[in-house]
């Protein structure tokens, strides 16, 4: 196994992210691998709706997805005496 490469996701990674999300549910919550056949479509819709409000990274090893990190970005309401910032 080679070292993992970590990179920001793009719209092309939605399928890989859905696959990892399903694998997580199977492993951690004992969800059947074929449960919820519409999940991937719902995941793609969710990804489109949240695009621009979240950031994700994908870890790949030997060109196969092995992990991801996803976080939402919340811009802080402006204040007269503070720079614009936010948190995730």
Protein backbone atom coordinates (compact mmCIF):
# COMPACT_ATOMS: atom_id res chain seq x y z
CA UNK A 1 0.00 0.00 0.00
CA UNK A 2 1.34 3.40 -0.91
CA UNK A 3 1.07 6.55 1.18
CA UNK A 4 -2.31 8.23 1.11
CA UNK A 5 -2.76 11.41 -0.87
CA UNK A 6 -5.13 13.98 0.62
CA UNK A 7 -6.75 16.62 -1.55
CA UNK A 8 -9.75 18.94 -1.67
CA UNK A 9 -12.76 17.35 -3.27
CA UNK A 10 -14.40 18.50 -6.48
CA UNK A 11 -17.83 17.78 -7.97
CA UNK A 12 -16.27 14.71 -9.59
CA UNK A 13 -15.75 13.15 -6.13
CA UNK A 14 -19.41 12.96 -5.09
CA UNK A 15 -19.71 9.27 -5.99
CA UNK A 16 -16.57 8.40 -4.00
CA UNK A 17 -17.81 10.39 -1.02
CA UNK A 18 -21.18 8.62 -1.12
CA UNK A 19 -19.40 5.27 -1.29
CA UNK A 20 -17.33 6.15 1.79
CA UNK A 21 -20.42 7.38 3.65
CA UNK A 22 -22.22 4.11 2.89
CA UNK A 23 -19.16 2.07 3.96
CA UNK A 24 -19.10 3.99 7.25
CA UNK A 25 -22.77 3.17 7.90
CA UNK A 26 -22.14 -0.50 7.11
CA UNK A 27 -19.09 -0.69 9.37
CA UNK A 28 -20.14 1.44 12.33
CA UNK A 29 -23.91 0.96 12.41
CA UNK A 30 -24.32 -2.49 10.85
CA UNK A 31 -26.44 -1.12 7.99
CA UNK A 32 -26.91 -3.70 5.25
CA UNK A 33 -24.61 -2.96 2.27
CA UNK A 34 -27.59 -2.84 -0.10
CA UNK A 35 -29.87 -0.82 2.20
CA UNK A 36 -31.50 2.34 0.87
CA UNK A 37 -30.96 1.97 -2.89
CA UNK A 38 -31.72 5.68 -3.40
CA UNK A 39 -28.98 6.81 -1.02
CA UNK A 40 -26.41 7.74 -3.68
CA UNK A 41 -28.91 9.95 -5.52
CA UNK A 42 -29.93 11.64 -2.25
CA UNK A 43 -26.27 12.13 -1.38
CA UNK A 44 -25.62 13.79 -4.76
CA UNK A 45 -28.61 16.12 -4.24
CA UNK A 46 -27.36 17.00 -0.75
CA UNK A 47 -23.86 17.68 -2.11
CA UNK A 48 -25.27 20.03 -4.73
CA UNK A 49 -27.37 21.91 -2.16
CA UNK A 50 -24.50 22.31 0.30
CA UNK A 51 -21.88 23.22 -2.32
CA UNK A 52 -20.25 26.49 -1.35
CA UNK A 53 -21.22 26.12 2.32
CA UNK A 54 -18.93 23.24 3.09
CA UNK A 55 -15.41 21.99 2.46
CA UNK A 56 -14.30 18.38 2.07
CA UNK A 57 -11.03 16.52 1.62
CA UNK A 58 -10.61 13.05 0.18
CA UNK A 59 -7.84 10.61 1.12
CA UNK A 60 -6.80 8.16 -1.60
CA UNK A 61 -4.34 5.29 -1.57
CA UNK A 62 -3.39 3.60 -4.83
CA UNK A 63 -6.05 5.80 -6.49
CA UNK A 64 -8.80 4.33 -4.28
CA UNK A 65 -10.79 6.48 -1.82
CA UNK A 66 -9.95 5.47 1.76
CA UNK A 67 -11.26 8.35 3.85
CA UNK A 68 -12.72 11.83 3.89
CA UNK A 69 -13.23 14.83 6.11
CA UNK A 70 -16.19 17.13 5.62
CA UNK A 71 -17.02 20.34 7.45
CA UNK A 72 -19.46 23.17 7.12
CA UNK A 73 -18.19 26.74 7.10
CA UNK A 74 -20.15 29.32 9.05
CA UNK A 75 -19.30 32.95 8.29
CA UNK A 76 -19.44 35.18 11.32
CA UNK A 77 -21.86 38.08 11.34
CA UNK A 78 -19.88 41.29 10.66
CA UNK A 79 -18.89 43.56 13.55
CA UNK A 80 -17.66 47.13 13.20
CA UNK A 81 -14.40 46.47 15.04
CA UNK A 82 -13.53 42.97 13.70
CA UNK A 83 -12.35 41.47 10.47
CA UNK A 84 -14.75 39.15 8.74
CA UNK A 85 -14.08 35.60 9.82
CA UNK A 86 -15.90 32.39 10.48
CA UNK A 87 -15.62 28.95 11.94
CA UNK A 88 -16.09 25.39 10.79
